[in-house]
Amino acid sequence: MTQHDILTTRELKPGDFEAWFPLWGQYLALNQTRMRWTDRTALFRKLAHREGNAGAMVVECNGEMVGIAHFERHESPYAFENAYVVQDLYITPEAQAQKAGSTLIRAIYQQGMQEGAPLIYWMAAEASIRGQDAQAAVAVTSPFLQFRKAA
């Protein structure tokens, strides 16, 4: 990739499975997670058809998909504004240097604004310094900590 490459963003479409699948697999491998084939295809269908509150956007470089982000619209029970919660964000290593991640985050934010959800938030792995640097270019860290309890 060079500085002359053109980055574009758009929503995930039903015909994108062949391009989406390898990126999703790389995301799962990076996070040391496995997912059954049937679950992967069901997830893709849900995202590509915007079922429920789920959605996805992609970033392309010269027409080739180089990043994905899955999100969910969160309707707040007490706030007047809704939010998009980015669940999964993956950018190929080659595209990270071209700021494809920030481009994708900005596109999700713009879509949220158009759909009445002017806030987006997500988590980043503490070990992903490169990812955190890219995300800090478009957002600020939250003062809140996340707590988990396994079932």
N, C-alpha and C. Protein backbone atom coordinates (compact mmCIF):
# COMPACT_ATOMS: atom_id res chain seq x y z
N MET A 1 0.84 -1.18 0.00
CA MET A 1 0.00 0.00 0.00
C MET A 1 0.89 1.24 0.00
N THR A 2 0.43 2.26 -0.69
CA THR A 2 1.17 3.51 -0.77
C THR A 2 0.27 4.66 -0.36
N GLN A 3 0.87 5.82 -0.24
CA GLN A 3 0.08 7.00 0.14
C GLN A 3 -0.92 7.42 -0.93
N HIS A 4 -0.76 6.87 -2.13
CA HIS A 4 -1.67 7.21 -3.23
C HIS A 4 -2.87 6.27 -3.31
N ASP A 5 -2.91 5.27 -2.45
CA ASP A 5 -4.04 4.35 -2.45
C ASP A 5 -5.29 5.07 -1.96
N ILE A 6 -6.43 4.63 -2.45
CA ILE A 6 -7.70 5.27 -2.11
C ILE A 6 -8.48 4.38 -1.15
N LEU A 7 -8.80 4.92 0.03
CA LEU A 7 -9.61 4.20 1.01
C LEU A 7 -11.06 4.64 0.88
N THR A 8 -11.95 3.66 0.87
CA THR A 8 -13.39 3.94 0.85
C THR A 8 -14.06 3.06 1.89
N THR A 9 -15.20 3.50 2.38
CA THR A 9 -15.96 2.73 3.36
C THR A 9 -17.38 2.54 2.85
N ARG A 10 -18.00 1.48 3.34
CA ARG A 10 -19.39 1.20 2.98
C ARG A 10 -19.92 0.14 3.93
N GLU A 11 -21.23 -0.06 3.87
CA GLU A 11 -21.83 -1.13 4.67
C GLU A 11 -21.51 -2.48 4.06
N LEU A 12 -21.45 -3.49 4.89
CA LEU A 12 -21.28 -4.87 4.44
C LEU A 12 -22.52 -5.27 3.65
N LYS A 13 -22.31 -5.97 2.52
CA LYS A 13 -23.42 -6.38 1.66
C LYS A 13 -23.50 -7.91 1.61
N PRO A 14 -24.67 -8.47 1.27
CA PRO A 14 -24.81 -9.92 1.19
C PRO A 14 -23.81 -10.60 0.25
N GLY A 15 -23.33 -9.92 -0.77
CA GLY A 15 -22.37 -10.52 -1.70
C GLY A 15 -20.92 -10.45 -1.25
N ASP A 16 -20.66 -9.99 -0.03
CA ASP A 16 -19.30 -9.77 0.46
C ASP A 16 -18.68 -10.96 1.20
N PHE A 17 -19.36 -12.09 1.27
CA PHE A 17 -18.88 -13.18 2.12
C PHE A 17 -17.45 -13.59 1.80
N GLU A 18 -17.12 -13.74 0.53
CA GLU A 18 -15.78 -14.22 0.14
C GLU A 18 -14.68 -13.26 0.58
N ALA A 19 -14.94 -11.98 0.61
CA ALA A 19 -13.94 -11.00 1.05
C ALA A 19 -13.95 -10.85 2.57
N TRP A 20 -15.13 -10.94 3.18
CA TRP A 20 -15.27 -10.78 4.63
C TRP A 20 -14.68 -11.95 5.39
N PHE A 21 -14.91 -13.17 4.90
CA PHE A 21 -14.56 -14.38 5.64
C PHE A 21 -13.08 -14.45 6.04
N PRO A 22 -12.11 -14.20 5.15
CA PRO A 22 -10.71 -14.26 5.58
C PRO A 22 -10.36 -13.21 6.64
N LEU A 23 -10.94 -12.02 6.53
CA LEU A 23 -10.67 -10.99 7.53
C LEU A 23 -11.25 -11.38 8.89
N TRP A 24 -12.43 -11.96 8.88
CA TRP A 24 -13.04 -12.42 10.13
C TRP A 24 -12.19 -13.54 10.73
N GLY A 25 -11.69 -14.44 9.89
CA GLY A 25 -10.82 -15.51 10.38
C GLY A 25 -9.54 -14.96 10.99
N GLN A 26 -8.97 -13.93 10.39
CA GLN A 26 -7.75 -13.31 10.95
C GLN A 26 -8.05 -12.63 12.28
N TYR A 27 -9.22 -12.01 12.38
CA TYR A 27 -9.62 -11.38 13.64
C TYR A 27 -9.75 -12.44 14.74
N LEU A 28 -10.41 -13.55 14.41
CA LEU A 28 -10.57 -14.62 15.40
C LEU A 28 -9.22 -15.18 15.82
N ALA A 29 -8.32 -15.39 14.87
CA ALA A 29 -6.99 -15.93 15.19
C ALA A 29 -6.21 -14.95 16.07
N LEU A 30 -6.28 -13.68 15.76
CA LEU A 30 -5.59 -12.66 16.54
C LEU A 30 -6.06 -12.67 17.99
N ASN A 31 -7.34 -12.92 18.19
CA ASN A 31 -7.92 -12.94 19.53
C ASN A 31 -8.00 -14.34 20.12
N GLN A 32 -7.33 -15.29 19.47
CA GLN A 32 -7.27 -16.68 19.93
C GLN A 32 -8.67 -17.22 20.23
N THR A 33 -9.56 -17.02 19.26
CA THR A 33 -10.95 -17.43 19.38
C THR A 33 -11.30 -18.35 18.22
N ARG A 34 -12.17 -19.29 18.48
CA ARG A 34 -12.66 -20.18 17.42
C ARG A 34 -14.17 -20.00 17.29
N MET A 35 -14.65 -20.31 16.08
CA MET A 35 -16.08 -20.19 15.83
C MET A 35 -16.46 -21.24 14.79
N ARG A 36 -17.53 -21.96 15.06
CA ARG A 36 -17.98 -22.98 14.10
C ARG A 36 -18.39 -22.34 12.79
N TRP A 37 -18.24 -23.12 11.71
CA TRP A 37 -18.60 -22.65 10.37
C TRP A 37 -20.04 -22.16 10.33
N THR A 38 -20.96 -22.92 10.91
CA THR A 38 -22.37 -22.52 10.87
C THR A 38 -22.59 -21.21 11.61
N ASP A 39 -21.84 -20.99 12.68
CA ASP A 39 -21.97 -19.73 13.41
C ASP A 39 -21.40 -18.57 12.61
N ARG A 40 -20.31 -18.83 11.87
CA ARG A 40 -19.72 -17.77 11.04
C ARG A 40 -20.70 -17.35 9.94
N THR A 41 -21.30 -18.32 9.30
CA THR A 41 -22.23 -17.98 8.21
C THR A 41 -23.48 -17.30 8.76
N ALA A 42 -23.94 -17.74 9.93
CA ALA A 42 -25.11 -17.09 10.54
C ALA A 42 -24.78 -15.65 10.94
N LEU A 43 -23.58 -15.45 11.48
CA LEU A 43 -23.16 -14.09 11.84
C LEU A 43 -23.11 -13.20 10.61
N PHE A 44 -22.51 -13.71 9.54
CA PHE A 44 -22.41 -12.91 8.32
C PHE A 44 -23.80 -12.51 7.82
N ARG A 45 -24.71 -13.46 7.80
CA ARG A 45 -26.07 -13.18 7.33
C ARG A 45 -26.71 -12.09 8.20
N LYS A 46 -26.56 -12.21 9.50
CA LYS A 46 -27.13 -11.23 10.43
C LYS A 46 -26.56 -9.83 10.17
N LEU A 47 -25.24 -9.75 9.98
CA LEU A 47 -24.59 -8.46 9.76
C LEU A 47 -24.93 -7.86 8.40
N ALA A 48 -24.86 -8.69 7.36
CA ALA A 48 -25.08 -8.20 5.99
C ALA A 48 -26.52 -7.78 5.74
N HIS A 49 -27.45 -8.34 6.51
CA HIS A 49 -28.86 -8.00 6.33
C HIS A 49 -29.37 -7.05 7.42
N ARG A 50 -28.47 -6.59 8.27
CA ARG A 50 -28.81 -5.66 9.36
C ARG A 50 -29.98 -6.18 10.20
N GLU A 51 -29.88 -7.45 10.58
CA GLU A 51 -30.93 -8.05 11.40
C GLU A 51 -30.84 -7.51 12.83
N GLY A 52 -31.98 -7.19 13.38
CA GLY A 52 -32.01 -6.65 14.74
C GLY A 52 -31.23 -5.34 14.80
N ASN A 53 -30.39 -5.22 15.79
CA ASN A 53 -29.58 -4.01 15.96
C ASN A 53 -28.17 -4.16 15.39
N ALA A 54 -27.88 -5.29 14.74
CA ALA A 54 -26.53 -5.58 14.26
C ALA A 54 -26.26 -4.93 12.90
N GLY A 55 -25.01 -4.61 12.68
CA GLY A 55 -24.58 -4.07 11.39
C GLY A 55 -23.09 -4.21 11.24
N ALA A 56 -22.59 -3.90 10.07
CA ALA A 56 -21.15 -3.97 9.81
C ALA A 56 -20.79 -2.99 8.71
N MET A 57 -19.58 -2.49 8.81
CA MET A 57 -19.02 -1.65 7.75
C MET A 57 -17.66 -2.21 7.38
N VAL A 58 -17.25 -1.91 6.16
CA VAL A 58 -15.94 -2.36 5.68
C VAL A 58 -15.17 -1.16 5.17
N VAL A 59 -13.85 -1.31 5.15
CA VAL A 59 -12.99 -0.32 4.52
C VAL A 59 -12.26 -1.04 3.40
N GLU A 60 -12.20 -0.39 2.26
CA GLU A 60 -11.54 -0.97 1.09
C GLU A 60 -10.40 -0.06 0.65
N CYS A 61 -9.36 -0.68 0.14
CA CYS A 61 -8.24 0.05 -0.45
C CYS A 61 -8.21 -0.32 -1.93
N ASN A 62 -8.45 0.67 -2.76
CA ASN A 62 -8.49 0.44 -4.21
C ASN A 62 -9.45 -0.69 -4.56
N GLY A 63 -10.57 -0.77 -3.84
CA GLY A 63 -11.60 -1.77 -4.13
C GLY A 63 -11.42 -3.10 -3.44
N GLU A 64 -10.33 -3.31 -2.71
CA GLU A 64 -10.10 -4.57 -1.99
C GLU A 64 -10.39 -4.37 -0.51
N MET A 65 -11.21 -5.26 0.07
CA MET A 65 -11.57 -5.16 1.47
C MET A 65 -10.34 -5.40 2.35
N VAL A 66 -10.02 -4.41 3.20
CA VAL A 66 -8.84 -4.50 4.07
C VAL A 66 -9.19 -4.34 5.54
N GLY A 67 -10.47 -4.15 5.85
CA GLY A 67 -10.86 -4.01 7.24
C GLY A 67 -12.36 -4.18 7.41
N ILE A 68 -12.73 -4.63 8.61
CA ILE A 68 -14.13 -4.85 8.94
C ILE A 68 -14.41 -4.33 10.35
N ALA A 69 -15.62 -3.92 10.57
CA ALA A 69 -16.07 -3.55 11.91
C ALA A 69 -17.52 -3.98 12.05
N HIS A 70 -17.78 -4.73 13.10
CA HIS A 70 -19.15 -5.15 13.41
C HIS A 70 -19.63 -4.28 14.56
N PHE A 71 -20.87 -3.86 14.51
CA PHE A 71 -21.38 -3.00 15.56
C PHE A 71 -22.82 -3.36 15.88
N GLU A 72 -23.26 -2.83 16.99
CA GLU A 72 -24.64 -3.03 17.43
C GLU A 72 -25.18 -1.68 17.89
N ARG A 73 -26.38 -1.40 17.51
CA ARG A 73 -27.02 -0.16 17.96
C ARG A 73 -27.54 -0.41 19.38
N HIS A 74 -27.14 0.45 20.28
CA HIS A 74 -27.53 0.32 21.68
C HIS A 74 -28.50 1.45 22.01
N GLU A 75 -29.68 1.05 22.41
CA GLU A 75 -30.70 2.03 22.79
C GLU A 75 -30.65 2.20 24.30
N SER A 76 -30.27 3.37 24.72
CA SER A 76 -30.10 3.65 26.14
C SER A 76 -31.45 3.79 26.83
N PRO A 77 -31.61 3.16 28.00
CA PRO A 77 -32.88 3.29 28.72
C PRO A 77 -33.03 4.63 29.44
N TYR A 78 -31.93 5.38 29.58
CA TYR A 78 -32.02 6.62 30.35
C TYR A 78 -31.49 7.86 29.61
N ALA A 79 -30.73 7.67 28.56
CA ALA A 79 -30.19 8.82 27.82
C ALA A 79 -31.10 9.14 26.64
N PHE A 80 -31.02 10.35 26.18
CA PHE A 80 -31.83 10.76 25.03
C PHE A 80 -31.17 10.39 23.71
N GLU A 81 -29.90 10.01 23.76
CA GLU A 81 -29.17 9.66 22.55
C GLU A 81 -28.74 8.20 22.60
N ASN A 82 -28.87 7.52 21.49
CA ASN A 82 -28.45 6.13 21.40
C ASN A 82 -26.99 6.08 20.96
N ALA A 83 -26.43 4.87 20.93
CA ALA A 83 -25.02 4.71 20.60
C ALA A 83 -24.81 3.49 19.72
N TYR A 84 -23.70 3.48 19.04
CA TYR A 84 -23.22 2.29 18.34
C TYR A 84 -22.10 1.72 19.19
N VAL A 85 -22.17 0.43 19.45
CA VAL A 85 -21.11 -0.26 20.17
C VAL A 85 -20.38 -1.13 19.16
N VAL A 86 -19.12 -0.81 18.91
CA VAL A 86 -18.32 -1.59 17.97
C VAL A 86 -17.85 -2.84 18.71
N GLN A 87 -18.27 -3.99 18.21
CA GLN A 87 -17.94 -5.26 18.86
C GLN A 87 -16.62 -5.83 18.35
N ASP A 88 -16.39 -5.73 17.06
CA ASP A 88 -15.22 -6.34 16.43
C ASP A 88 -14.65 -5.34 15.43
N LEU A 89 -13.36 -5.14 15.48
CA LEU A 89 -12.69 -4.24 14.54
C LEU A 89 -11.39 -4.90 14.12
N TYR A 90 -11.24 -5.11 12.82
CA TYR A 90 -10.00 -5.72 12.32
C TYR A 90 -9.57 -5.00 11.05
N ILE A 91 -8.31 -4.62 11.02
CA ILE A 91 -7.68 -3.99 9.86
C ILE A 91 -6.43 -4.80 9.54
N THR A 92 -6.22 -5.12 8.27
CA THR A 92 -5.01 -5.88 7.91
C THR A 92 -3.78 -5.07 8.31
N PRO A 93 -2.70 -5.76 8.65
CA PRO A 93 -1.47 -5.03 9.04
C PRO A 93 -1.01 -4.04 7.97
N GLU A 94 -1.14 -4.41 6.70
CA GLU A 94 -0.71 -3.52 5.62
C GLU A 94 -1.54 -2.23 5.58
N ALA A 95 -2.81 -2.34 5.91
CA ALA A 95 -3.71 -1.18 5.83
C ALA A 95 -3.66 -0.30 7.07
N GLN A 96 -3.11 -0.83 8.16
CA GLN A 96 -3.04 -0.04 9.39
C GLN A 96 -2.21 1.23 9.20
N ALA A 97 -1.13 1.12 8.44
CA ALA A 97 -0.27 2.28 8.21
C ALA A 97 -0.96 3.37 7.39
N GLN A 98 -1.99 2.99 6.65
CA GLN A 98 -2.73 3.96 5.83
C GLN A 98 -3.91 4.58 6.59
N LYS A 99 -3.99 4.29 7.88
CA LYS A 99 -5.05 4.83 8.74
C LYS A 99 -6.43 4.31 8.36
N ALA A 100 -6.48 3.07 7.90
CA ALA A 100 -7.76 2.46 7.51
C ALA A 100 -8.67 2.31 8.72
N GLY A 101 -8.10 2.05 9.90
CA GLY A 101 -8.91 1.91 11.11
C GLY A 101 -9.62 3.20 11.47
N SER A 102 -8.88 4.31 11.45
CA SER A 102 -9.50 5.61 11.75
C SER A 102 -10.55 5.97 10.72
N THR A 103 -10.28 5.63 9.46
CA THR A 103 -11.25 5.89 8.39
C THR A 103 -12.54 5.13 8.65
N LEU A 104 -12.41 3.88 9.08
CA LEU A 104 -13.58 3.04 9.35
C LEU A 104 -14.35 3.56 10.57
N ILE A 105 -13.65 3.92 11.63
CA ILE A 105 -14.31 4.46 12.82
C ILE A 105 -15.09 5.73 12.47
N ARG A 106 -14.48 6.61 11.70
CA ARG A 106 -15.17 7.84 11.30
C ARG A 106 -16.43 7.54 10.49
N ALA A 107 -16.36 6.55 9.63
CA ALA A 107 -17.53 6.18 8.82
C ALA A 107 -18.65 5.63 9.69
N ILE A 108 -18.30 4.84 10.69
CA ILE A 108 -19.32 4.30 11.61
C ILE A 108 -19.95 5.46 12.38
N TYR A 109 -19.13 6.39 12.81
CA TYR A 109 -19.64 7.55 13.53
C TYR A 109 -20.62 8.34 12.66
N GLN A 110 -20.26 8.57 11.40
CA GLN A 110 -21.14 9.30 10.49
C GLN A 110 -22.47 8.57 10.29
N GLN A 111 -22.40 7.26 10.14
CA GLN A 111 -23.63 6.49 9.98
C GLN A 111 -24.48 6.58 11.24
N GLY A 112 -23.84 6.48 12.39
CA GLY A 112 -24.56 6.61 13.65
C GLY A 112 -25.26 7.96 13.76
N MET A 113 -24.56 9.01 13.38
CA MET A 113 -25.16 10.35 13.40
C MET A 113 -26.41 10.40 12.53
N GLN A 114 -26.34 9.79 11.36
CA GLN A 114 -27.49 9.79 10.44
C GLN A 114 -28.65 8.97 10.99
N GLU A 115 -28.34 7.98 11.83
CA GLU A 115 -29.38 7.10 12.36
C GLU A 115 -29.77 7.45 13.80
N GLY A 116 -29.38 8.62 14.28
CA GLY A 116 -29.77 9.04 15.61
C GLY A 116 -28.98 8.39 16.73
N ALA A 117 -27.76 7.98 16.45
CA ALA A 117 -26.88 7.40 17.47
C ALA A 117 -25.53 8.13 17.39
N PRO A 118 -25.45 9.34 17.98
CA PRO A 118 -24.27 10.18 17.81
C PRO A 118 -23.07 9.82 18.69
N LEU A 119 -23.09 8.66 19.28
CA LEU A 119 -21.98 8.22 20.12
C LEU A 119 -21.58 6.82 19.69
N ILE A 120 -20.28 6.57 19.58
CA ILE A 120 -19.82 5.20 19.37
C ILE A 120 -18.79 4.89 20.43
N TYR A 121 -18.75 3.65 20.84
CA TYR A 121 -17.70 3.25 21.76
C TYR A 121 -17.33 1.81 21.50
N TRP A 122 -16.15 1.44 21.98
CA TRP A 122 -15.60 0.12 21.75
C TRP A 122 -14.49 -0.11 22.75
N MET A 123 -14.01 -1.33 22.80
CA MET A 123 -12.88 -1.68 23.65
C MET A 123 -11.70 -2.01 22.75
N ALA A 124 -10.51 -1.82 23.27
CA ALA A 124 -9.29 -2.20 22.55
C ALA A 124 -8.43 -3.04 23.48
N ALA A 125 -7.75 -4.00 22.93
CA ALA A 125 -6.86 -4.84 23.74
C ALA A 125 -5.71 -3.99 24.27
N GLU A 126 -5.39 -4.16 25.56
CA GLU A 126 -4.29 -3.40 26.14
C GLU A 126 -2.97 -3.67 25.42
N ALA A 127 -2.81 -4.88 24.92
CA ALA A 127 -1.57 -5.26 24.24
C ALA A 127 -1.45 -4.67 22.84
N SER A 128 -2.54 -4.18 22.30
CA SER A 128 -2.53 -3.66 20.93
C SER A 128 -2.18 -2.17 20.92
N ILE A 129 -0.91 -1.88 21.13
CA ILE A 129 -0.46 -0.48 21.18
C ILE A 129 -0.70 0.21 19.83
N ARG A 130 -0.39 -0.48 18.74
CA ARG A 130 -0.59 0.11 17.41
C ARG A 130 -2.06 0.44 17.18
N GLY A 131 -2.94 -0.48 17.57
CA GLY A 131 -4.37 -0.24 17.42
C GLY A 131 -4.85 0.90 18.30
N GLN A 132 -4.33 0.97 19.52
CA GLN A 132 -4.72 2.05 20.42
C GLN A 132 -4.29 3.41 19.88
N ASP A 133 -3.10 3.47 19.30
CA ASP A 133 -2.63 4.73 18.74
C ASP A 133 -3.55 5.20 17.62
N ALA A 134 -3.96 4.28 16.76
CA ALA A 134 -4.85 4.63 15.65
C ALA A 134 -6.20 5.09 16.18
N GLN A 135 -6.71 4.41 17.19
CA GLN A 135 -8.02 4.75 17.72
C GLN A 135 -7.98 6.06 18.51
N ALA A 136 -6.86 6.35 19.16
CA ALA A 136 -6.72 7.60 19.90
C ALA A 136 -6.74 8.81 18.97
N ALA A 137 -6.48 8.58 17.70
CA ALA A 137 -6.52 9.68 16.73
C ALA A 137 -7.94 10.15 16.46
N VAL A 138 -8.94 9.33 16.76
CA VAL A 138 -10.33 9.69 16.46
C VAL A 138 -11.23 9.71 17.69
N ALA A 139 -10.72 9.30 18.84
CA ALA A 139 -11.57 9.23 20.04
C ALA A 139 -10.72 9.39 21.29
N VAL A 140 -11.37 9.50 22.42
CA VAL A 140 -10.67 9.58 23.70
C VAL A 140 -11.00 8.34 24.52
N THR A 141 -10.13 8.01 25.44
CA THR A 141 -10.38 6.85 26.29
C THR A 141 -11.45 7.21 27.33
N SER A 142 -12.14 6.20 27.75
CA SER A 142 -13.20 6.36 28.74
C SER A 142 -12.61 6.27 30.15
N PRO A 143 -13.19 6.96 31.11
CA PRO A 143 -12.72 6.84 32.48
C PRO A 143 -13.26 5.58 33.18
N PHE A 144 -14.02 4.77 32.45
CA PHE A 144 -14.63 3.59 33.05
C PHE A 144 -13.80 2.34 32.82
N LEU A 145 -13.85 1.43 33.75
CA LEU A 145 -13.21 0.13 33.63
C LEU A 145 -14.27 -0.89 33.26
N GLN A 146 -13.85 -1.95 32.62
CA GLN A 146 -14.79 -3.03 32.30
C GLN A 146 -14.54 -4.18 33.28
N PHE A 147 -15.61 -4.73 33.82
CA PHE A 147 -15.53 -5.89 34.71
C PHE A 147 -16.28 -7.04 34.07
N ARG A 148 -15.78 -8.26 34.28
CA ARG A 148 -16.43 -9.45 33.73
C ARG A 148 -16.50 -10.53 34.78
N LYS A 149 -17.53 -11.34 34.66
CA LYS A 149 -17.66 -12.53 35.49
C LYS A 149 -18.15 -13.65 34.59
N ALA A 150 -17.39 -14.71 34.51
CA ALA A 150 -17.78 -15.84 33.67
C ALA A 150 -18.92 -16.61 34.34
N ALA A 151 -19.75 -17.21 33.51
CA ALA A 151 -20.88 -17.99 34.03
C ALA A 151 -20.41 -19.30 34.61
